[in-house]
Amino acid sequence: MLLGAGQRVVFIGDSITDCGRRDRAAPYGDGYLSLVRAFVDARHPELELTWVNRGIGGDTVRDLAARWDADAIAERPDWLSVMIGINDIWRAFSPGQEAEAVPIEEYERTLRTLLRRAVTATGCRLVLADPFLIEADVDEPQRAETDRYAAVVAAVAKDFEAVHVATQAAFDRVLAHSPSSRWADDRVHPGLPGHAVIADAFLAALDA
């Protein structure tokens, strides 16, 4: 188990992390974070961890940069989990939103800058989760682009000695036996079983 007693674990990202945490499912949301919290607390109640959700639906890495000081650094995390990139990619494939897509070079540069700032300011350890597309065809254009961004996250995780959560690989495992529609209506926003796939990958990565 990588998490330690009394630690503060902050999650930041887009709608996959948000999951209603600002309204109907405050304060943790009803997605993967809530599942991770529930299982870790149940298995390790002696740790008395504090969990914080700072996901906001629709965010790209540019949006994280705009709120990084308030929603990441000011939270003083012992662990900071970042899952971002789905919107950065998706908007390039959404008519009328192409200008809001984040090119891969900007994505990597911004992500590295934000992570370095957080580690320098707080001394936190990092958990980095891949962007994903719940699509089995690796040659489908959006899936192929998603794999490129996920490779960036894997490289950044290695450079920062972060815990790496391979969410795309987790979905690929279940997609080998079932259609995308079983996990999400739009290949992006999972239902509860899809969030369980993500949570399972987090628990394994954290040795929890």
C-alpha atoms as a PDB file:
ATOM      1  CA  MET A   1       0.000   0.000   0.000  1.00  0.00           C
ATOM      2  CA  LEU A   2       1.592   3.263  -1.123  1.00  0.00           C
ATOM      3  CA  LEU A   3      -0.631   5.710   0.760  1.00  0.00           C
ATOM      4  CA  GLY A   4       0.429   6.575   4.288  1.00  0.00           C
ATOM      5  CA  ALA A   5      -1.376   7.350   7.524  1.00  0.00           C
ATOM      6  CA  GLY A   6      -3.025  10.749   7.748  1.00  0.00           C
ATOM      7  CA  GLN A   7      -2.229  11.706   4.178  1.00  0.00           C
ATOM      8  CA  ARG A   8      -4.237  14.074   1.993  1.00  0.00           C
ATOM      9  CA  VAL A   9      -5.067  12.711  -1.467  1.00  0.00           C
ATOM     10  CA  VAL A  10      -6.197  15.264  -4.052  1.00  0.00           C
ATOM     11  CA  PHE A  11      -7.674  14.322  -7.427  1.00  0.00           C
ATOM     12  CA  ILE A  12      -7.891  16.841 -10.263  1.00  0.00           C
ATOM     13  CA  GLY A  13      -9.132  16.457 -13.823  1.00  0.00           C
ATOM     14  CA  ASP A  14     -12.197  16.753 -16.039  1.00  0.00           C
ATOM     15  CA  SER A  15     -15.725  15.323 -15.945  1.00  0.00           C
ATOM     16  CA  ILE A  16     -14.496  11.776 -15.387  1.00  0.00           C
ATOM     17  CA  THR A  17     -13.139  12.957 -12.042  1.00  0.00           C
ATOM     18  CA  ASP A  18     -15.843  15.569 -11.363  1.00  0.00           C
ATOM     19  CA  CYS A  19     -18.834  13.207 -11.613  1.00  0.00           C
ATOM     20  CA  GLY A  20     -21.254  15.552  -9.858  1.00  0.00           C
ATOM     21  CA  ARG A  21     -18.971  16.441  -6.961  1.00  0.00           C
ATOM     22  CA  ARG A  22     -20.043  20.117  -7.170  1.00  0.00           C
ATOM     23  CA  ASP A  23     -23.791  19.388  -6.926  1.00  0.00           C
ATOM     24  CA  ARG A  24     -25.751  16.126  -6.904  1.00  0.00           C
ATOM     25  CA  ALA A  25     -22.928  13.937  -5.569  1.00  0.00           C
ATOM     26  CA  ALA A  26     -20.935  16.359  -3.409  1.00  0.00           C
ATOM     27  CA  PRO A  27     -18.192  16.268  -2.282  1.00  0.00           C
ATOM     28  CA  TYR A  28     -16.568  13.211  -3.889  1.00  0.00           C
ATOM     29  CA  GLY A  29     -18.666  12.624  -6.983  1.00  0.00           C
ATOM     30  CA  ASP A  30     -20.144   9.266  -7.870  1.00  0.00           C
ATOM     31  CA  GLY A  31     -17.379   7.981 -10.140  1.00  0.00           C
ATOM     32  CA  TYR A  32     -14.047   6.239  -9.848  1.00  0.00           C
ATOM     33  CA  LEU A  33     -12.742   8.525  -7.071  1.00  0.00           C
ATOM     34  CA  SER A  34     -15.640   7.606  -4.826  1.00  0.00           C
ATOM     35  CA  LEU A  35     -15.009   3.914  -5.481  1.00  0.00           C
ATOM     36  CA  VAL A  36     -11.285   4.229  -4.789  1.00  0.00           C
ATOM     37  CA  ARG A  37     -11.996   6.121  -1.579  1.00  0.00           C
ATOM     38  CA  ALA A  38     -14.579   3.591  -0.427  1.00  0.00           C
ATOM     39  CA  PHE A  39     -12.388   0.547  -0.991  1.00  0.00           C
ATOM     40  CA  VAL A  40      -9.181   2.065   0.394  1.00  0.00           C
ATOM     41  CA  ASP A  41     -10.965   3.334   3.504  1.00  0.00           C
ATOM     42  CA  ALA A  42     -12.696  -0.016   3.979  1.00  0.00           C
ATOM     43  CA  ARG A  43      -9.469  -1.978   3.607  1.00  0.00           C
ATOM     44  CA  HIS A  44      -7.246   0.456   5.512  1.00  0.00           C
ATOM     45  CA  PRO A  45      -9.358   2.353   8.064  1.00  0.00           C
ATOM     46  CA  GLU A  46      -6.296   2.837  10.240  1.00  0.00           C
ATOM     47  CA  LEU A  47      -4.832   5.257   7.684  1.00  0.00           C
ATOM     48  CA  GLU A  48      -7.533   7.910   8.242  1.00  0.00           C
ATOM     49  CA  LEU A  49      -6.936   9.450   4.815  1.00  0.00           C
ATOM     50  CA  THR A  50      -8.413  12.744   3.622  1.00  0.00           C
ATOM     51  CA  TRP A  51      -9.836  12.705   0.086  1.00  0.00           C
ATOM     52  CA  VAL A  52     -10.397  15.795  -2.079  1.00  0.00           C
ATOM     53  CA  ASN A  53     -12.056  16.002  -5.510  1.00  0.00           C
ATOM     54  CA  ARG A  54     -11.135  18.975  -7.701  1.00  0.00           C
ATOM     55  CA  GLY A  55     -12.390  17.687 -11.044  1.00  0.00           C
ATOM     56  CA  ILE A  56     -14.351  20.045 -13.316  1.00  0.00           C
ATOM     57  CA  GLY A  57     -16.264  18.771 -16.329  1.00  0.00           C
ATOM     58  CA  GLY A  58     -15.054  19.983 -19.708  1.00  0.00           C
ATOM     59  CA  ASP A  59     -11.549  20.864 -18.565  1.00  0.00           C
ATOM     60  CA  THR A  60      -8.460  20.617 -20.709  1.00  0.00           C
ATOM     61  CA  VAL A  61      -4.908  21.010 -19.487  1.00  0.00           C
ATOM     62  CA  ARG A  62      -5.287  24.726 -20.248  1.00  0.00           C
ATOM     63  CA  ASP A  63      -8.128  24.925 -17.735  1.00  0.00           C
ATOM     64  CA  LEU A  64      -6.044  23.119 -15.135  1.00  0.00           C
ATOM     65  CA  ALA A  65      -3.307  25.696 -15.635  1.00  0.00           C
ATOM     66  CA  ALA A  66      -5.769  28.515 -14.955  1.00  0.00           C
ATOM     67  CA  ARG A  67      -6.842  27.046 -11.598  1.00  0.00           C
ATOM     68  CA  TRP A  68      -3.725  25.147 -10.580  1.00  0.00           C
ATOM     69  CA  ASP A  69      -2.710  27.383  -7.682  1.00  0.00           C
ATOM     70  CA  ALA A  70      -6.139  27.284  -6.035  1.00  0.00           C
ATOM     71  CA  ASP A  71      -7.201  23.720  -6.803  1.00  0.00           C
ATOM     72  CA  ALA A  72      -3.920  21.811  -6.669  1.00  0.00           C
ATOM     73  CA  ILE A  73      -1.126  23.636  -4.845  1.00  0.00           C
ATOM     74  CA  ALA A  74      -3.302  25.360  -2.220  1.00  0.00           C
ATOM     75  CA  GLU A  75      -4.807  21.991  -1.271  1.00  0.00           C
ATOM     76  CA  ARG A  76      -1.365  20.941   0.029  1.00  0.00           C
ATOM     77  CA  PRO A  77      -1.636  17.347  -1.155  1.00  0.00           C
ATOM     78  CA  ASP A  78       0.557  14.529   0.018  1.00  0.00           C
ATOM     79  CA  TRP A  79      -0.575  12.759  -3.137  1.00  0.00           C
ATOM     80  CA  LEU A  80      -1.845  14.530  -6.258  1.00  0.00           C
ATOM     81  CA  SER A  81      -3.696  12.463  -8.848  1.00  0.00           C
ATOM     82  CA  VAL A  82      -4.085  13.983 -12.312  1.00  0.00           C
ATOM     83  CA  MET A  83      -6.202  12.582 -15.137  1.00  0.00           C
ATOM     84  CA  ILE A  84      -6.534  15.066 -17.997  1.00  0.00           C
ATOM     85  CA  GLY A  85      -6.444  14.956 -21.771  1.00  0.00           C
ATOM     86  CA  ILE A  86      -9.727  13.515 -22.977  1.00  0.00           C
ATOM     87  CA  ASN A  87     -11.175  16.920 -23.870  1.00  0.00           C
ATOM     88  CA  ASP A  88      -7.841  18.102 -25.240  1.00  0.00           C
ATOM     89  CA  ILE A  89      -8.172  15.333 -27.842  1.00  0.00           C
ATOM     90  CA  TRP A  90     -11.950  15.032 -28.230  1.00  0.00           C
ATOM     91  CA  ARG A  91     -12.458  18.632 -29.278  1.00  0.00           C
ATOM     92  CA  ALA A  92     -10.323  18.093 -32.343  1.00  0.00           C
ATOM     93  CA  PHE A  93     -12.999  15.606 -33.431  1.00  0.00           C
ATOM     94  CA  SER A  94     -15.982  17.787 -32.427  1.00  0.00           C
ATOM     95  CA  PRO A  95     -17.266  20.081 -35.190  1.00  0.00           C
ATOM     96  CA  GLY A  96     -17.044  23.721 -34.166  1.00  0.00           C
ATOM     97  CA  GLN A  97     -14.736  23.030 -31.216  1.00  0.00           C
ATOM     98  CA  GLU A  98     -11.500  22.303 -33.034  1.00  0.00           C
ATOM     99  CA  ALA A  99      -9.870  25.536 -31.817  1.00  0.00           C
ATOM    100  CA  GLU A 100     -10.294  24.346 -28.218  1.00  0.00           C
ATOM    101  CA  ALA A 101      -8.285  21.176 -28.829  1.00  0.00           C
ATOM    102  CA  VAL A 102      -4.820  21.172 -27.262  1.00  0.00           C
ATOM    103  CA  PRO A 103      -1.946  20.067 -29.537  1.00  0.00           C
ATOM    104  CA  ILE A 104       0.133  17.273 -28.100  1.00  0.00           C
ATOM    105  CA  GLU A 105       3.275  19.421 -27.744  1.00  0.00           C
ATOM    106  CA  GLU A 106       1.375  22.038 -25.719  1.00  0.00           C
ATOM    107  CA  TYR A 107      -0.298  19.299 -23.707  1.00  0.00           C
ATOM    108  CA  GLU A 108       3.015  17.755 -22.670  1.00  0.00           C
ATOM    109  CA  ARG A 109       4.704  21.086 -21.998  1.00  0.00           C
ATOM    110  CA  THR A 110       1.832  22.343 -19.841  1.00  0.00           C
ATOM    111  CA  LEU A 111       1.462  19.084 -17.940  1.00  0.00           C
ATOM    112  CA  ARG A 112       5.156  18.943 -17.108  1.00  0.00           C
ATOM    113  CA  THR A 113       5.157  22.572 -15.959  1.00  0.00           C
ATOM    114  CA  LEU A 114       2.141  22.095 -13.696  1.00  0.00           C
ATOM    115  CA  LEU A 115       3.487  18.925 -12.132  1.00  0.00           C
ATOM    116  CA  ARG A 116       6.886  20.460 -11.470  1.00  0.00           C
ATOM    117  CA  ARG A 117       5.252  23.435  -9.780  1.00  0.00           C
ATOM    118  CA  ALA A 118       3.136  21.188  -7.567  1.00  0.00           C
ATOM    119  CA  VAL A 119       6.024  18.969  -6.522  1.00  0.00           C
ATOM    120  CA  THR A 120       8.289  21.946  -5.840  1.00  0.00           C
ATOM    121  CA  ALA A 121       5.648  23.794  -3.816  1.00  0.00           C
ATOM    122  CA  THR A 122       4.238  20.900  -1.793  1.00  0.00           C
ATOM    123  CA  GLY A 123       6.611  17.938  -1.996  1.00  0.00           C
ATOM    124  CA  CYS A 124       3.675  15.780  -3.071  1.00  0.00           C
ATOM    125  CA  ARG A 125       3.918  12.438  -4.806  1.00  0.00           C
ATOM    126  CA  LEU A 126       2.078  12.052  -8.086  1.00  0.00           C
ATOM    127  CA  VAL A 127      -0.432   9.670  -9.608  1.00  0.00           C
ATOM    128  CA  LEU A 128      -0.854  10.129 -13.366  1.00  0.00           C
ATOM    129  CA  ALA A 129      -3.701   8.418 -15.213  1.00  0.00           C
ATOM    130  CA  ASP A 130      -3.927   8.094 -18.983  1.00  0.00           C
ATOM    131  CA  PRO A 131      -6.626   9.766 -21.041  1.00  0.00           C
ATOM    132  CA  PHE A 132      -8.690   7.026 -22.667  1.00  0.00           C
ATOM    133  CA  LEU A 133     -11.281   6.278 -25.320  1.00  0.00           C
ATOM    134  CA  ILE A 134     -13.565   3.298 -24.803  1.00  0.00           C
ATOM    135  CA  GLU A 135     -12.966   2.060 -28.336  1.00  0.00           C
ATOM    136  CA  ALA A 136     -11.379  -1.253 -29.254  1.00  0.00           C
ATOM    137  CA  ASP A 137     -10.251  -0.299 -32.769  1.00  0.00           C
ATOM    138  CA  VAL A 138      -6.761   1.124 -32.299  1.00  0.00           C
ATOM    139  CA  ASP A 139      -6.797   2.449 -35.871  1.00  0.00           C
ATOM    140  CA  GLU A 140      -9.923   4.561 -35.342  1.00  0.00           C
ATOM    141  CA  PRO A 141      -8.627   8.170 -35.590  1.00  0.00           C
ATOM    142  CA  GLN A 142      -9.663   9.441 -32.155  1.00  0.00           C
ATOM    143  CA  ARG A 143      -8.453   6.244 -30.496  1.00  0.00           C
ATOM    144  CA  ALA A 144      -5.127   6.484 -32.315  1.00  0.00           C
ATOM    145  CA  GLU A 145      -4.716  10.085 -31.153  1.00  0.00           C
ATOM    146  CA  THR A 146      -5.669   9.130 -27.612  1.00  0.00           C
ATOM    147  CA  ASP A 147      -2.937   6.507 -27.595  1.00  0.00           C
ATOM    148  CA  ARG A 148      -0.387   9.187 -28.542  1.00  0.00           C
ATOM    149  CA  TYR A 149      -1.423  11.373 -25.583  1.00  0.00           C
ATOM    150  CA  ALA A 150      -1.442   8.360 -23.269  1.00  0.00           C
ATOM    151  CA  ALA A 151       2.149   7.652 -24.312  1.00  0.00           C
ATOM    152  CA  VAL A 152       3.018  11.202 -23.229  1.00  0.00           C
ATOM    153  CA  VAL A 153       1.488  10.554 -19.800  1.00  0.00           C
ATOM    154  CA  ALA A 154       3.440   7.316 -19.453  1.00  0.00           C
ATOM    155  CA  ALA A 155       6.692   9.120 -20.301  1.00  0.00           C
ATOM    156  CA  VAL A 156       5.943  11.989 -17.911  1.00  0.00           C
ATOM    157  CA  ALA A 157       5.061   9.522 -15.149  1.00  0.00           C
ATOM    158  CA  LYS A 158       8.416   7.814 -15.604  1.00  0.00           C
ATOM    159  CA  ASP A 159      10.308  11.101 -15.521  1.00  0.00           C
ATOM    160  CA  PHE A 160       8.536  12.245 -12.335  1.00  0.00           C
ATOM    161  CA  GLU A 161       8.720   8.793 -10.700  1.00  0.00           C
ATOM    162  CA  ALA A 162       4.932   8.958 -10.458  1.00  0.00           C
ATOM    163  CA  VAL A 163       2.463   6.140 -10.019  1.00  0.00           C
ATOM    164  CA  HIS A 164       1.112   5.455 -13.520  1.00  0.00           C
ATOM    165  CA  VAL A 165      -2.482   4.294 -13.976  1.00  0.00           C
ATOM    166  CA  ALA A 166      -2.926   2.755 -17.421  1.00  0.00           C
ATOM    167  CA  THR A 167      -6.648   3.378 -17.818  1.00  0.00           C
ATOM    168  CA  GLN A 168      -6.673   2.713 -21.570  1.00  0.00           C
ATOM    169  CA  ALA A 169      -5.122  -0.695 -21.009  1.00  0.00           C
ATOM    170  CA  ALA A 170      -7.760  -1.377 -18.347  1.00  0.00           C
ATOM    171  CA  PHE A 171     -10.540  -0.657 -20.829  1.00  0.00           C
ATOM    172  CA  ASP A 172      -8.811  -2.627 -23.560  1.00  0.00           C
ATOM    173  CA  ARG A 173      -8.919  -5.649 -21.268  1.00  0.00           C
ATOM    174  CA  VAL A 174     -12.707  -5.506 -20.911  1.00  0.00           C
ATOM    175  CA  LEU A 175     -13.262  -4.478 -24.542  1.00  0.00           C
ATOM    176  CA  ALA A 176     -11.683  -7.752 -25.579  1.00  0.00           C
ATOM    177  CA  HIS A 177     -14.837  -9.422 -24.250  1.00  0.00           C
ATOM    178  CA  SER A 178     -17.602  -6.809 -24.606  1.00  0.00           C
ATOM    179  CA  PRO A 179     -18.733  -3.860 -26.731  1.00  0.00           C
ATOM    180  CA  SER A 180     -17.950  -0.234 -25.925  1.00  0.00           C
ATOM    181  CA  SER A 181     -21.648   0.441 -25.290  1.00  0.00           C
ATOM    182  CA  ARG A 182     -21.527  -1.771 -22.203  1.00  0.00           C
ATOM    183  CA  TRP A 183     -19.211   0.770 -20.552  1.00  0.00           C
ATOM    184  CA  ALA A 184     -20.234   4.164 -21.973  1.00  0.00           C
ATOM    185  CA  ASP A 185     -22.855   5.564 -24.324  1.00  0.00           C
ATOM    186  CA  ASP A 186     -20.401   7.968 -25.976  1.00  0.00           C
ATOM    187  CA  ARG A 187     -17.075   6.103 -25.537  1.00  0.00           C
ATOM    188  CA  VAL A 188     -15.972   8.785 -23.052  1.00  0.00           C
ATOM    189  CA  HIS A 189     -18.293   9.085 -20.044  1.00  0.00           C
ATOM    190  CA  PRO A 190     -18.476   5.713 -18.282  1.00  0.00           C
ATOM    191  CA  GLY A 191     -21.409   4.391 -16.346  1.00  0.00           C
ATOM    192  CA  LEU A 192     -20.769   2.899 -12.921  1.00  0.00           C
ATOM    193  CA  PRO A 193     -19.279  -0.347 -14.291  1.00  0.00           C
ATOM    194  CA  GLY A 194     -16.889   1.723 -16.420  1.00  0.00           C
ATOM    195  CA  HIS A 195     -15.877   3.776 -13.411  1.00  0.00           C
ATOM    196  CA  ALA A 196     -15.254   0.492 -11.612  1.00  0.00           C
ATOM    197  CA  VAL A 197     -12.809  -0.435 -14.387  1.00  0.00           C
ATOM    198  CA  ILE A 198     -10.935   2.820 -13.736  1.00  0.00           C
ATOM    199  CA  ALA A 199     -11.087   2.397  -9.956  1.00  0.00           C
ATOM    200  CA  ASP A 200      -9.748  -1.141 -10.219  1.00  0.00           C
ATOM    201  CA  ALA A 201      -6.766   0.158 -12.187  1.00  0.00           C
ATOM    202  CA  PHE A 202      -6.119   2.814  -9.521  1.00  0.00           C
ATOM    203  CA  LEU A 203      -6.320   0.299  -6.692  1.00  0.00           C
ATOM    204  CA  ALA A 204      -3.857  -1.993  -8.438  1.00  0.00           C
ATOM    205  CA  ALA A 205      -1.438   0.860  -9.169  1.00  0.00           C
ATOM    206  CA  LEU A 206      -1.567   2.006  -5.534  1.00  0.00           C
ATOM    207  CA  ASP A 207      -1.112  -1.556  -4.290  1.00  0.00           C
ATOM    208  CA  ALA A 208      -4.339  -1.067  -2.378  1.00  0.00           C
END
